[in-house]
Amino acid sequence: MQIKHLLLAIAFALLPLTAAAEKPVWVTADGESRQGDLDTPKEVQGRARQDARIKAVAEAVGTFVKAHTLVSNGQIAEDLVYAAVRGKIVKELTLSYGWEGKERNLYRVRIKALVEPVYPEKGEGLSVQMHLSKTDLKQGDEVEIVYQVSKDAYVYIFSVAADGSVTLLFPNAHMKDHYVAAGEARTFPPPGGPVRLTAMFLPDYRNDSAEERIKIVATVRKEPLIALGFREGVFQVFDARSTEMIGDLVRRLNRLDPGDWTEAQAAYTLKK
């Protein structure tokens, strides 16, 4: 028995990833660290400054993401689509620093940092290539996702829908092993398998065309990016109430070394 997954029509418009806020932004951030019995003052001060730098970059990345034109009902779609946007401090000013008066083992520092957006270059470290079997579809047409990784990797494939929900297409209840060998051309759904992807409009969608977006995330090691559980069906669907789940995925990705993960995305147009 074949199981058909309806790729929901997407209704958001966005600028290309590289067209995000090109200009660096100034942000202010506070950092702190406590001195342990074996810590030197210099080590504590260094940790506090690093804490401030991490917070400054995180705030700036949020600004870069918001600079994209994105009309969507769900924040989780935005978080996932722009997971690869990073930031780099290019200039830093110290506004204040010192040990707390009441807590002598607590050191605080406030910085003002100029952060510029960084978009990982393809071909460095792990990379993934992907394309769709069709880019112009009519309702009822089937679509396949063809992809290949440059190194052995663990692959996740997501679909972003018009209502802001995100569906984890792969791995799924029928295909839980998401390890892919380097250079191996893969197709999702695999030929002859139990899953089919069929493009369809939402029942109340009134426009004549819509855009569906597919995103692939690949990591060189098996990372606990998302809790895998398929108790209620073939696929996991994260709706607007699952914002924290996708947000946690994005945070986990950005803790990895940039060379240890990569992403790619593609879109197709669905017409009546």
Foldseek 3Di string as FASTA:
>chain_A
DADEDEQEFAAKDKDPPVPFDQFWDKDKFKFKFFDDPPDDPVVRVVRRVVRRVVVRFVVRQVVRLVRIRIDAQAVLVSCVVNLQKTKDFPDKDWPDWDADPVRRRMIMTMMMTTIGIDGDDAPFAKHKDKDKPAQEAEFFDWIKIKMFIQAWWFKWKWKAHHNRKIKTPPPWPVHPGRTDHHPDIDMPPHPPDRYTYTYHYDPPDDDFKGKIKMKMKIFNDDDPLADDDHPPHGIDMQHNVNNVRSVSSSVVVVVDDPSGMDMDMDMHMYGD
